[in-house]
Protein backbone atom coordinates (compact mmCIF):
# COMPACT_ATOMS: atom_id res chain seq x y z
CA MET A 1 163.07 109.73 91.14
CA ILE A 2 161.37 106.77 90.45
CA ALA A 3 158.32 106.82 88.07
CA LEU A 4 155.77 103.94 87.25
CA ILE A 5 154.29 104.87 83.72
CA GLN A 6 150.87 103.35 82.37
CA ARG A 7 149.63 103.82 79.03
CA VAL A 8 145.77 104.45 79.81
CA ARG A 9 142.62 104.92 77.99
CA ARG A 10 141.21 106.39 81.13
CA ALA A 11 142.48 106.74 84.53
CA ARG A 12 140.96 108.46 87.99
CA VAL A 13 142.20 108.94 91.56
CA GLN A 14 139.72 109.16 94.48
CA VAL A 15 140.24 110.48 98.18
CA SER A 16 137.35 109.60 100.28
CA GLY A 17 134.91 108.80 97.52
CA ASP A 18 135.63 112.17 95.70
CA THR A 19 137.48 112.31 92.33
CA VAL A 20 140.34 114.65 92.62
CA GLY A 21 141.85 113.65 89.32
CA GLU A 22 140.70 112.19 86.14
CA ILE A 23 141.99 111.94 82.48
CA GLY A 24 140.99 110.13 79.31
CA GLN A 25 143.83 108.64 77.07
CA GLY A 26 147.18 109.76 78.40
CA LEU A 27 149.54 108.55 81.01
CA LEU A 28 149.18 107.74 84.75
CA VAL A 29 152.25 108.25 86.44
CA LEU A 30 153.37 107.00 89.99
CA VAL A 31 156.07 109.21 91.28
CA CYS A 32 158.54 108.39 94.32
CA ALA A 33 161.17 110.89 95.21
CA GLN A 34 164.21 109.50 96.92
CA PRO A 35 166.53 111.11 99.31
CA ALA A 36 169.12 112.59 96.97
CA ASP A 37 166.73 113.87 94.26
CA GLY A 38 166.22 117.38 93.75
CA GLU A 39 165.25 119.99 91.02
CA VAL A 40 167.59 118.35 88.45
CA GLN A 41 165.47 114.90 88.75
CA ALA A 42 162.07 116.57 88.72
CA VAL A 43 162.93 118.48 85.39
CA LYS A 44 164.51 115.22 83.73
CA LEU A 45 161.36 113.32 84.53
CA VAL A 46 159.05 115.88 83.14
CA ASP A 47 161.15 116.33 80.07
CA LYS A 48 160.89 112.31 79.59
CA LEU A 49 157.05 112.01 80.20
CA LEU A 50 156.31 114.59 77.66
CA LYS A 51 158.75 113.14 75.31
CA LEU A 52 158.31 109.37 75.84
CA ARG A 53 156.85 107.70 72.64
CA VAL A 54 154.50 104.94 73.85
CA PHE A 55 151.19 105.96 71.53
CA SER A 56 150.84 104.31 68.49
CA ASP A 57 151.01 106.05 64.82
CA GLU A 58 149.27 105.10 61.82
CA ALA A 59 151.34 102.05 61.14
CA GLY A 60 150.75 100.78 64.97
CA LYS A 61 154.46 101.44 65.89
CA MET A 62 154.92 103.27 69.32
CA ASN A 63 156.08 106.39 67.92
CA ARG A 64 153.82 109.33 69.40
CA SER A 65 154.21 111.12 72.84
CA VAL A 66 151.44 112.42 75.29
CA GLN A 67 152.16 115.67 73.62
CA ASP A 68 151.48 114.28 69.87
CA VAL A 69 148.05 112.67 71.07
CA GLN A 70 146.95 115.35 73.15
CA GLY A 71 146.43 113.04 75.92
CA GLY A 72 146.44 113.82 79.59
CA LEU A 73 148.89 113.13 82.51
CA LEU A 74 147.72 111.95 85.81
CA ILE A 75 150.29 112.50 88.29
CA VAL A 76 150.20 110.41 91.61
CA SER A 77 152.70 110.24 94.57
CA GLN A 78 153.53 106.89 95.80
CA PHE A 79 156.42 106.32 98.02
CA THR A 80 156.10 102.55 97.75
CA LEU A 81 157.87 102.50 94.75
CA ALA A 82 160.96 102.82 96.98
CA ALA A 83 160.21 99.49 98.48
CA ASP A 84 163.07 97.14 99.47
CA THR A 85 161.72 93.59 99.72
CA SER A 86 165.21 91.88 100.02
CA GLY A 87 165.44 91.72 103.93
CA GLY A 88 162.26 89.60 104.36
CA ASN A 89 158.38 89.58 104.11
CA ARG A 90 157.73 93.40 105.47
CA PRO A 91 159.03 96.10 102.64
CA SER A 92 161.51 98.71 104.05
CA PHE A 93 161.00 102.15 102.39
CA THR A 94 163.77 103.85 103.34
CA GLY A 95 164.58 104.34 99.97
CA ALA A 96 161.94 106.87 99.91
CA ALA A 97 162.41 110.91 100.40
CA PRO A 98 161.63 111.98 103.82
CA ALA A 99 157.76 113.12 103.61
CA ALA A 100 158.76 117.15 103.54
CA LEU A 101 161.23 116.37 100.65
CA GLY A 102 158.65 114.12 98.93
CA ARG A 103 156.12 116.49 99.15
CA GLU A 104 158.24 119.41 97.49
CA LEU A 105 159.55 117.17 94.62
CA TYR A 106 156.02 115.94 94.04
CA GLU A 107 154.86 119.73 93.80
CA ARG A 108 157.49 120.57 91.52
CA VAL A 109 156.83 117.92 89.29
CA LEU A 110 153.33 118.87 88.93
CA GLN A 111 154.19 122.55 88.50
CA LEU A 112 156.75 121.79 85.55
CA ALA A 113 154.33 119.64 83.99
CA ARG A 114 151.62 122.05 84.18
CA GLU A 115 153.82 124.82 82.92
CA ARG A 116 154.30 122.51 79.72
CA HIS A 117 151.26 120.60 79.14
CA PRO A 118 147.63 121.23 78.96
CA VAL A 119 146.04 118.46 80.80
CA VAL A 120 147.77 117.65 83.97
CA GLN A 121 145.67 116.30 86.98
CA ALA A 122 147.23 114.97 90.27
CA GLY A 123 146.35 112.85 93.26
CA VAL A 124 146.68 114.20 96.58
CA PHE A 125 150.29 113.75 98.48
CA GLY A 126 150.07 111.51 101.42
CA ALA A 127 146.43 110.69 101.02
CA ASP A 128 144.76 107.20 100.91
CA MET A 129 144.11 107.18 97.37
CA GLN A 130 142.00 104.98 95.26
CA VAL A 131 143.42 104.61 91.74
CA GLU A 132 141.33 103.42 89.02
CA LEU A 133 142.50 102.86 85.21
CA VAL A 134 142.17 101.21 82.27
CA ASN A 135 145.55 100.27 81.00
CA ASP A 136 146.05 100.57 77.03
CA GLY A 137 147.95 97.64 75.74
CA PRO A 138 148.87 96.96 78.35
CA VAL A 139 151.86 99.25 78.36
CA THR A 140 153.54 99.76 81.63
CA ILE A 141 157.37 101.40 81.79
CA PRO A 142 159.36 101.40 85.06
CA MET A 143 161.64 104.50 84.79
CA THR A 144 164.45 105.77 87.28
CA VAL A 145 165.69 109.36 86.87
CA ALA A 146 169.08 110.09 88.40
């Protein structure tokens, strides 16, 4: 799975003008499943998200996790993270999982996160979404989970 993680002061996702997910301080996580992904990758991704130390401690060092700061997770599906731009000016998305698998793994990531963390919001798989955020830092971390 591919993820792009942004430490945020706040973030929200809208579909057709309606807010479907919103958090204060926490992590905005854009997620893309790849064809070979499965349960193992979903579990590893959630484990990493909950333990990733990207929030500052009293000394200003990134030593705290989203759990430590009681922040939220806003998890949004984004197949374009698998874009291959090496062949020209139009990206290819063959590196993304087929829609059915992508939806299944996205929903599994949400389920695992909700079982382990109290504040988990989400986008809508396959929808045209507008994502607003205030990136804190800015801190943006790309991640691939194999």
